[in-house]
PDB file of N, CA and C in Angstrom:
ATOM      1  N   MET A   1       0.877  -1.105   0.005  1.00  0.00           N
ATOM      2  CA  MET A   1      -0.066  -0.039  -0.046  1.00  0.00           C
ATOM      3  C   MET A   1       0.900   1.143  -0.072  1.00  0.00           C
ATOM      4  N   ASN A   2       0.626   2.041  -0.795  1.00  0.00           N
ATOM      5  CA  ASN A   2       1.324   3.518  -0.948  1.00  0.00           C
ATOM      6  C   ASN A   2       0.395   4.482  -0.153  1.00  0.00           C
ATOM      7  N   LEU A   3       0.777   4.932   0.866  1.00  0.00           N
ATOM      8  CA  LEU A   3      -0.024   6.096   1.682  1.00  0.00           C
ATOM      9  C   LEU A   3      -0.366   7.209   0.585  1.00  0.00           C
ATOM     10  N   ASP A   4       0.542   7.624  -0.231  1.00  0.00           N
ATOM     11  CA  ASP A   4      -0.065   8.778  -1.136  1.00  0.00           C
ATOM     12  C   ASP A   4      -0.940   8.499  -2.002  1.00  0.00           C
ATOM     13  N   GLU A   5      -1.481   7.131  -2.216  1.00  0.00           N
ATOM     14  CA  GLU A   5      -2.509   6.943  -3.169  1.00  0.00           C
ATOM     15  C   GLU A   5      -3.645   6.593  -2.379  1.00  0.00           C
ATOM     16  N   MET A   6      -3.930   6.754  -0.965  1.00  0.00           N
ATOM     17  CA  MET A   6      -4.901   6.303  -0.063  1.00  0.00           C
ATOM     18  C   MET A   6      -5.769   7.457   0.072  1.00  0.00           C
ATOM     19  N   GLU A   7      -6.960   7.163   0.419  1.00  0.00           N
ATOM     20  CA  GLU A   7      -8.088   7.976   0.847  1.00  0.00           C
ATOM     21  C   GLU A   7      -7.682   8.564   2.007  1.00  0.00           C
ATOM     22  N   GLY A   8      -7.826   9.829   2.146  1.00  0.00           N
ATOM     23  CA  GLY A   8      -7.418  10.727   3.293  1.00  0.00           C
ATOM     24  C   GLY A   8      -5.842  11.054   3.193  1.00  0.00           C
ATOM     25  N   PHE A   9      -5.183  10.666   2.223  1.00  0.00           N
ATOM     26  CA  PHE A   9      -3.777  11.231   2.060  1.00  0.00           C
ATOM     27  C   PHE A   9      -3.798  11.718   0.582  1.00  0.00           C
ATOM     28  N   ASP A  10      -4.530  12.376   0.292  1.00  0.00           N
ATOM     29  CA  ASP A  10      -4.530  13.205  -1.120  1.00  0.00           C
ATOM     30  C   ASP A  10      -4.885  12.387  -2.256  1.00  0.00           C
ATOM     31  N   ALA A  11      -5.594  11.189  -2.165  1.00  0.00           N
ATOM     32  CA  ALA A  11      -5.967  10.354  -3.049  1.00  0.00           C
ATOM     33  C   ALA A  11      -7.280   9.624  -2.856  1.00  0.00           C
ATOM     34  N   ASP A  12      -7.478   8.713  -3.647  1.00  0.00           N
ATOM     35  CA  ASP A  12      -8.862   8.071  -3.465  1.00  0.00           C
ATOM     36  C   ASP A  12      -9.151   6.767  -3.151  1.00  0.00           C
ATOM     37  N   ILE A  13      -7.823   5.686  -3.004  1.00  0.00           N
ATOM     38  CA  ILE A  13      -8.128   4.487  -2.917  1.00  0.00           C
ATOM     39  C   ILE A  13      -8.509   4.240  -1.587  1.00  0.00           C
ATOM     40  N   PRO A  14      -9.531   3.500  -1.126  1.00  0.00           N
ATOM     41  CA  PRO A  14     -10.247   3.374   0.155  1.00  0.00           C
ATOM     42  C   PRO A  14      -9.451   2.280   0.745  1.00  0.00           C
ATOM     43  N   PHE A  15      -9.117   2.409   2.191  1.00  0.00           N
ATOM     44  CA  PHE A  15      -8.315   1.424   2.942  1.00  0.00           C
ATOM     45  C   PHE A  15      -9.087  -0.014   2.979  1.00  0.00           C
ATOM     46  N   GLU A  16     -10.404   0.040   2.702  1.00  0.00           N
ATOM     47  CA  GLU A  16     -11.206  -1.083   2.704  1.00  0.00           C
ATOM     48  C   GLU A  16     -10.806  -2.198   1.850  1.00  0.00           C
ATOM     49  N   ASN A  17      -9.912  -1.789   0.727  1.00  0.00           N
ATOM     50  CA  ASN A  17      -9.307  -2.539  -0.391  1.00  0.00           C
ATOM     51  C   ASN A  17      -8.057  -3.398   0.487  1.00  0.00           C
ATOM     52  N   PHE A  18      -7.741  -3.054   1.702  1.00  0.00           N
ATOM     53  CA  PHE A  18      -6.505  -3.725   2.265  1.00  0.00           C
ATOM     54  C   PHE A  18      -6.883  -4.214   3.470  1.00  0.00           C
ATOM     55  N   THR A  19      -6.087  -5.295   3.963  1.00  0.00           N
ATOM     56  CA  THR A  19      -6.138  -5.971   5.276  1.00  0.00           C
ATOM     57  C   THR A  19      -4.901  -5.805   5.977  1.00  0.00           C
ATOM     58  N   ASP A  20      -4.784  -5.029   7.088  1.00  0.00           N
ATOM     59  CA  ASP A  20      -3.532  -4.970   7.757  1.00  0.00           C
ATOM     60  C   ASP A  20      -4.044  -4.084   9.090  1.00  0.00           C
ATOM     61  N   ASP A  21      -3.252  -4.811  10.066  1.00  0.00           N
ATOM     62  CA  ASP A  21      -3.478  -4.323  11.593  1.00  0.00           C
ATOM     63  C   ASP A  21      -3.291  -2.926  11.749  1.00  0.00           C
ATOM     64  N   ILE A  22      -2.636  -2.238  10.961  1.00  0.00           N
ATOM     65  CA  ILE A  22      -2.248  -0.899  11.100  1.00  0.00           C
ATOM     66  C   ILE A  22      -3.160   0.006  10.487  1.00  0.00           C
ATOM     67  N   ILE A  23      -4.175  -0.511   9.626  1.00  0.00           N
ATOM     68  CA  ILE A  23      -5.449   0.303   9.155  1.00  0.00           C
ATOM     69  C   ILE A  23      -6.082   1.256   9.927  1.00  0.00           C
ATOM     70  N   PRO A  24      -6.472   0.807  11.074  1.00  0.00           N
ATOM     71  CA  PRO A  24      -7.378   1.467  11.862  1.00  0.00           C
ATOM     72  C   PRO A  24      -6.744   2.895  12.336  1.00  0.00           C
ATOM     73  N   LEU A  25      -5.371   2.757  12.544  1.00  0.00           N
ATOM     74  CA  LEU A  25      -4.755   3.863  12.975  1.00  0.00           C
ATOM     75  C   LEU A  25      -4.502   4.944  11.581  1.00  0.00           C
ATOM     76  N   LEU A  26      -4.275   4.387  10.604  1.00  0.00           N
ATOM     77  CA  LEU A  26      -3.949   5.225   9.309  1.00  0.00           C
ATOM     78  C   LEU A  26      -5.287   5.707   8.853  1.00  0.00           C
ATOM     79  N   ASN A  27      -6.347   5.288   9.054  1.00  0.00           N
ATOM     80  CA  ASN A  27      -7.804   5.465   8.512  1.00  0.00           C
ATOM     81  C   ASN A  27      -8.421   6.491   9.674  1.00  0.00           C
ATOM     82  N   LEU A  28      -7.810   6.934  10.609  1.00  0.00           N
ATOM     83  CA  LEU A  28      -8.372   7.904  11.473  1.00  0.00           C
ATOM     84  C   LEU A  28      -8.766   9.176  10.988  1.00  0.00           C
ATOM     85  N   SER A  29      -9.677   9.931  11.424  1.00  0.00           N
ATOM     86  CA  SER A  29      -9.737  11.371  10.776  1.00  0.00           C
ATOM     87  C   SER A  29      -8.781  12.202  11.639  1.00  0.00           C
ATOM     88  N   ASP A  30      -8.475  13.511  11.235  1.00  0.00           N
ATOM     89  CA  ASP A  30      -7.566  14.248  11.855  1.00  0.00           C
ATOM     90  C   ASP A  30      -8.046  14.831  13.151  1.00  0.00           C
ATOM     91  N   SER A  31      -9.181  14.620  13.628  1.00  0.00           N
ATOM     92  CA  SER A  31      -9.408  15.269  15.006  1.00  0.00           C
ATOM     93  C   SER A  31     -10.803  14.394  15.415  1.00  0.00           C
ATOM     94  N   ASP A  32     -10.894  14.481  16.974  1.00  0.00           N
ATOM     95  CA  ASP A  32     -11.862  13.948  17.548  1.00  0.00           C
ATOM     96  C   ASP A  32     -12.087  12.481  17.188  1.00  0.00           C
ATOM     97  N   SER A  33     -11.047  11.632  17.086  1.00  0.00           N
ATOM     98  CA  SER A  33     -11.134  10.429  16.704  1.00  0.00           C
ATOM     99  C   SER A  33     -10.799   9.552  17.915  1.00  0.00           C
ATOM    100  N   TYR A  34     -10.972   8.255  17.834  1.00  0.00           N
ATOM    101  CA  TYR A  34     -10.651   7.170  19.056  1.00  0.00           C
ATOM    102  C   TYR A  34     -10.524   5.850  18.482  1.00  0.00           C
ATOM    103  N   LEU A  35      -9.797   5.084  19.148  1.00  0.00           N
ATOM    104  CA  LEU A  35      -9.752   3.653  18.739  1.00  0.00           C
ATOM    105  C   LEU A  35     -10.234   2.672  19.998  1.00  0.00           C
ATOM    106  N   MET A  36     -11.146   1.924  19.887  1.00  0.00           N
ATOM    107  CA  MET A  36     -11.548   0.999  21.130  1.00  0.00           C
ATOM    108  C   MET A  36     -10.390   0.216  21.457  1.00  0.00           C
ATOM    109  N   PRO A  37     -10.515  -0.141  22.791  1.00  0.00           N
ATOM    110  CA  PRO A  37      -9.483  -0.831  23.454  1.00  0.00           C
ATOM    111  C   PRO A  37      -8.825  -2.117  22.815  1.00  0.00           C
ATOM    112  N   GLU A  38      -9.930  -2.997  22.264  1.00  0.00           N
ATOM    113  CA  GLU A  38      -9.407  -4.243  21.537  1.00  0.00           C
ATOM    114  C   GLU A  38      -8.668  -3.896  20.125  1.00  0.00           C
ATOM    115  N   VAL A  39      -8.934  -2.745  19.464  1.00  0.00           N
ATOM    116  CA  VAL A  39      -8.319  -2.034  18.521  1.00  0.00           C
ATOM    117  C   VAL A  39      -6.864  -1.633  18.748  1.00  0.00           C
ATOM    118  N   CYS A  40      -6.873  -1.070  20.057  1.00  0.00           N
ATOM    119  CA  CYS A  40      -5.365  -0.548  20.494  1.00  0.00           C
ATOM    120  C   CYS A  40      -4.370  -1.620  20.593  1.00  0.00           C
ATOM    121  N   GLN A  41      -4.961  -2.695  21.048  1.00  0.00           N
ATOM    122  CA  GLN A  41      -3.934  -3.957  21.523  1.00  0.00           C
ATOM    123  C   GLN A  41      -3.272  -4.279  19.986  1.00  0.00           C
ATOM    124  N   THR A  42      -4.424  -4.543  19.089  1.00  0.00           N
ATOM    125  CA  THR A  42      -3.697  -5.004  17.862  1.00  0.00           C
ATOM    126  C   THR A  42      -2.923  -4.106  17.111  1.00  0.00           C
ATOM    127  N   VAL A  43      -3.207  -2.675  17.098  1.00  0.00           N
ATOM    128  CA  VAL A  43      -2.418  -1.651  16.378  1.00  0.00           C
ATOM    129  C   VAL A  43      -1.117  -1.563  17.078  1.00  0.00           C
ATOM    130  N   ALA A  44      -0.987  -1.594  18.525  1.00  0.00           N
ATOM    131  CA  ALA A  44       0.256  -1.569  19.254  1.00  0.00           C
ATOM    132  C   ALA A  44       1.098  -2.537  18.894  1.00  0.00           C
ATOM    133  N   PHE A  45       0.427  -3.826  18.678  1.00  0.00           N
ATOM    134  CA  PHE A  45       1.405  -4.767  18.409  1.00  0.00           C
ATOM    135  C   PHE A  45       1.990  -4.806  17.045  1.00  0.00           C
ATOM    136  N   LYS A  46       1.113  -4.145  15.974  1.00  0.00           N
ATOM    137  CA  LYS A  46       1.704  -4.059  14.755  1.00  0.00           C
ATOM    138  C   LYS A  46       2.752  -2.943  14.609  1.00  0.00           C
ATOM    139  N   LEU A  47       2.669  -1.859  15.602  1.00  0.00           N
ATOM    140  CA  LEU A  47       3.518  -0.656  15.530  1.00  0.00           C
ATOM    141  C   LEU A  47       4.949  -1.255  16.080  1.00  0.00           C
ATOM    142  N   ARG A  48       4.853  -1.999  16.937  1.00  0.00           N
ATOM    143  CA  ARG A  48       6.241  -2.488  17.615  1.00  0.00           C
ATOM    144  C   ARG A  48       6.846  -3.512  16.459  1.00  0.00           C
ATOM    145  N   LYS A  49       5.942  -4.229  15.598  1.00  0.00           N
ATOM    146  CA  LYS A  49       6.575  -5.127  14.748  1.00  0.00           C
ATOM    147  C   LYS A  49       7.196  -4.293  13.869  1.00  0.00           C
ATOM    148  N   LEU A  50       6.362  -3.151  13.404  1.00  0.00           N
ATOM    149  CA  LEU A  50       7.150  -2.489  12.163  1.00  0.00           C
ATOM    150  C   LEU A  50       8.400  -1.794  12.319  1.00  0.00           C
ATOM    151  N   THR A  51       8.542  -1.481  13.737  1.00  0.00           N
ATOM    152  CA  THR A  51       9.745  -0.673  13.984  1.00  0.00           C
ATOM    153  C   THR A  51      10.792  -1.449  14.791  1.00  0.00           C
ATOM    154  N   GLN A  52      10.642  -2.818  14.782  1.00  0.00           N
ATOM    155  CA  GLN A  52      11.537  -3.463  15.694  1.00  0.00           C
ATOM    156  C   GLN A  52      12.844  -3.421  15.177  1.00  0.00           C
ATOM    157  N   ASN A  53      13.225  -3.364  13.971  1.00  0.00           N
ATOM    158  CA  ASN A  53      14.671  -3.271  13.278  1.00  0.00           C
ATOM    159  C   ASN A  53      15.277  -2.055  13.275  1.00  0.00           C
ATOM    160  N   TRP A  54      14.344  -0.959  13.532  1.00  0.00           N
ATOM    161  CA  TRP A  54      14.859   0.494  13.482  1.00  0.00           C
ATOM    162  C   TRP A  54      15.875   0.626  14.513  1.00  0.00           C
ATOM    163  N   PRO A  55      16.799   1.679  14.207  1.00  0.00           N
ATOM    164  CA  PRO A  55      17.720   1.964  15.302  1.00  0.00           C
ATOM    165  C   PRO A  55      16.779   2.568  16.686  1.00  0.00           C
ATOM    166  N   ASP A  56      17.560   2.175  17.699  1.00  0.00           N
ATOM    167  CA  ASP A  56      16.910   2.540  18.972  1.00  0.00           C
ATOM    168  C   ASP A  56      16.739   4.007  19.235  1.00  0.00           C
ATOM    169  N   ASP A  57      17.770   4.860  18.671  1.00  0.00           N
ATOM    170  CA  ASP A  57      17.818   6.287  18.750  1.00  0.00           C
ATOM    171  C   ASP A  57      17.057   6.939  17.653  1.00  0.00           C
ATOM    172  N   ASP A  58      16.371   6.323  16.929  1.00  0.00           N
ATOM    173  CA  ASP A  58      15.577   6.843  15.676  1.00  0.00           C
ATOM    174  C   ASP A  58      14.383   7.615  16.524  1.00  0.00           C
ATOM    175  N   MET A  59      14.001   9.031  16.205  1.00  0.00           N
ATOM    176  CA  MET A  59      12.829   9.711  16.782  1.00  0.00           C
ATOM    177  C   MET A  59      11.655   9.058  16.473  1.00  0.00           C
ATOM    178  N   ASP A  60      11.495   8.603  15.144  1.00  0.00           N
ATOM    179  CA  ASP A  60      10.095   8.134  14.862  1.00  0.00           C
ATOM    180  C   ASP A  60      10.008   6.558  15.569  1.00  0.00           C
ATOM    181  N   LYS A  61      10.986   5.881  15.786  1.00  0.00           N
ATOM    182  CA  LYS A  61      10.739   4.734  16.492  1.00  0.00           C
ATOM    183  C   LYS A  61      10.329   5.023  17.969  1.00  0.00           C
ATOM    184  N   MET A  62      11.032   6.192  18.523  1.00  0.00           N
ATOM    185  CA  MET A  62      10.730   6.512  19.983  1.00  0.00           C
ATOM    186  C   MET A  62       9.200   6.980  20.111  1.00  0.00           C
ATOM    187  N   ASN A  63       8.755   7.711  19.010  1.00  0.00           N
ATOM    188  CA  ASN A  63       7.382   8.279  19.171  1.00  0.00           C
ATOM    189  C   ASN A  63       6.579   6.929  18.807  1.00  0.00           C
ATOM    190  N   ASP A  64       6.747   6.157  17.916  1.00  0.00           N
ATOM    191  CA  ASP A  64       6.009   4.887  17.798  1.00  0.00           C
ATOM    192  C   ASP A  64       5.753   4.126  18.971  1.00  0.00           C
ATOM    193  N   LEU A  65       7.102   3.989  19.733  1.00  0.00           N
ATOM    194  CA  LEU A  65       6.936   3.296  20.996  1.00  0.00           C
ATOM    195  C   LEU A  65       6.230   3.721  22.122  1.00  0.00           C
ATOM    196  N   TYR A  66       6.306   5.215  22.078  1.00  0.00           N
ATOM    197  CA  TYR A  66       5.240   5.841  22.985  1.00  0.00           C
ATOM    198  C   TYR A  66       3.740   5.695  22.708  1.00  0.00           C
ATOM    199  N   LEU A  67       3.364   5.743  21.478  1.00  0.00           N
ATOM    200  CA  LEU A  67       2.290   5.533  21.067  1.00  0.00           C
ATOM    201  C   LEU A  67       1.605   4.161  21.345  1.00  0.00           C
ATOM    202  N   ALA A  68       2.644   2.957  21.181  1.00  0.00           N
ATOM    203  CA  ALA A  68       2.292   1.834  21.424  1.00  0.00           C
ATOM    204  C   ALA A  68       2.017   1.504  22.692  1.00  0.00           C
ATOM    205  N   GLU A  69       2.824   2.304  23.577  1.00  0.00           N
ATOM    206  CA  GLU A  69       2.639   2.156  25.130  1.00  0.00           C
ATOM    207  C   GLU A  69       1.290   2.623  25.749  1.00  0.00           C
ATOM    208  N   GLY A  70       0.877   3.692  24.962  1.00  0.00           N
ATOM    209  CA  GLY A  70      -0.298   4.466  25.297  1.00  0.00           C
ATOM    210  C   GLY A  70      -1.600   3.635  24.661  1.00  0.00           C
ATOM    211  N   MET A  71      -1.510   2.790  23.700  1.00  0.00           N
ATOM    212  CA  MET A  71      -2.399   1.900  23.256  1.00  0.00           C
ATOM    213  C   MET A  71      -2.649   0.823  24.237  1.00  0.00           C
ATOM    214  N   GLU A  72      -1.645   0.201  24.576  1.00  0.00           N
ATOM    215  CA  GLU A  72      -1.553  -0.821  25.588  1.00  0.00           C
ATOM    216  C   GLU A  72      -2.214  -0.645  26.777  1.00  0.00           C
ATOM    217  N   LEU A  73      -1.975   0.791  27.223  1.00  0.00           N
ATOM    218  CA  LEU A  73      -2.534   1.001  28.500  1.00  0.00           C
ATOM    219  C   LEU A  73      -4.004   1.129  28.354  1.00  0.00           C
ATOM    220  N   ALA A  74      -4.428   1.663  27.276  1.00  0.00           N
ATOM    221  CA  ALA A  74      -5.846   1.898  26.949  1.00  0.00           C
ATOM    222  C   ALA A  74      -6.513   0.563  26.901  1.00  0.00           C
ATOM    223  N   HIS A  75      -5.904  -0.522  26.471  1.00  0.00           N
ATOM    224  CA  HIS A  75      -6.487  -1.718  26.273  1.00  0.00           C
ATOM    225  C   HIS A  75      -6.444  -2.463  27.751  1.00  0.00           C
ATOM    226  N   GLN A  76      -5.329  -2.085  28.478  1.00  0.00           N
ATOM    227  CA  GLN A  76      -5.287  -2.905  29.739  1.00  0.00           C
ATOM    228  C   GLN A  76      -6.555  -2.258  30.730  1.00  0.00           C
ATOM    229  N   GLN A  77      -6.650  -0.855  30.610  1.00  0.00           N
ATOM    230  CA  GLN A  77      -7.803  -0.013  31.383  1.00  0.00           C
ATOM    231  C   GLN A  77      -9.193  -0.332  30.638  1.00  0.00           C
ATOM    232  N   ASN A  78      -9.246  -0.928  29.686  1.00  0.00           N
ATOM    233  CA  ASN A  78     -10.620  -1.116  28.757  1.00  0.00           C
ATOM    234  C   ASN A  78     -11.094   0.386  28.574  1.00  0.00           C
ATOM    235  N   GLU A  79     -10.325   1.179  28.020  1.00  0.00           N
ATOM    236  CA  GLU A  79     -10.794   2.642  27.783  1.00  0.00           C
ATOM    237  C   GLU A  79     -10.397   2.843  26.195  1.00  0.00           C
ATOM    238  N   PRO A  80     -11.325   3.594  25.395  1.00  0.00           N
ATOM    239  CA  PRO A  80     -10.733   4.116  24.123  1.00  0.00           C
ATOM    240  C   PRO A  80      -9.787   4.956  24.182  1.00  0.00           C
ATOM    241  N   LEU A  81      -8.898   5.157  23.101  1.00  0.00           N
ATOM    242  CA  LEU A  81      -7.673   6.051  23.145  1.00  0.00           C
ATOM    243  C   LEU A  81      -8.235   6.991  22.150  1.00  0.00           C
ATOM    244  N   GLY A  82      -8.252   8.329  22.735  1.00  0.00           N
ATOM    245  CA  GLY A  82      -8.753   9.426  21.800  1.00  0.00           C
ATOM    246  C   GLY A  82      -7.630  10.366  21.217  1.00  0.00           C
ATOM    247  N   PHE A  83      -7.957  10.867  20.198  1.00  0.00           N
ATOM    248  CA  PHE A  83      -6.860  11.451  19.308  1.00  0.00           C
ATOM    249  C   PHE A  83      -7.659  12.948  19.117  1.00  0.00           C
ATOM    250  N   ILE A  84      -7.154  14.127  19.625  1.00  0.00           N
ATOM    251  CA  ILE A  84      -7.642  15.423  19.492  1.00  0.00           C
ATOM    252  C   ILE A  84      -6.698  16.185  18.555  1.00  0.00           C
TER     253      ILE A  84
END
């Protein structure tokens, strides 16, 4: 999948054409969105997998892991994770 071709990223291919655990995160609207706890667990696992071979000092990896931790916490507390 090329994000530049996807709906919401200046193009028109819908995410429904693909199956991947990261899609719920990529398909969020820009504001007032949330992910349910069970989705947070799945997306967090995928985020960790995607960046596992990146250098530990990579800022994107650090941000990714921070987000994954928040998603795991939301899942543990059975609370949706909101994005504002």
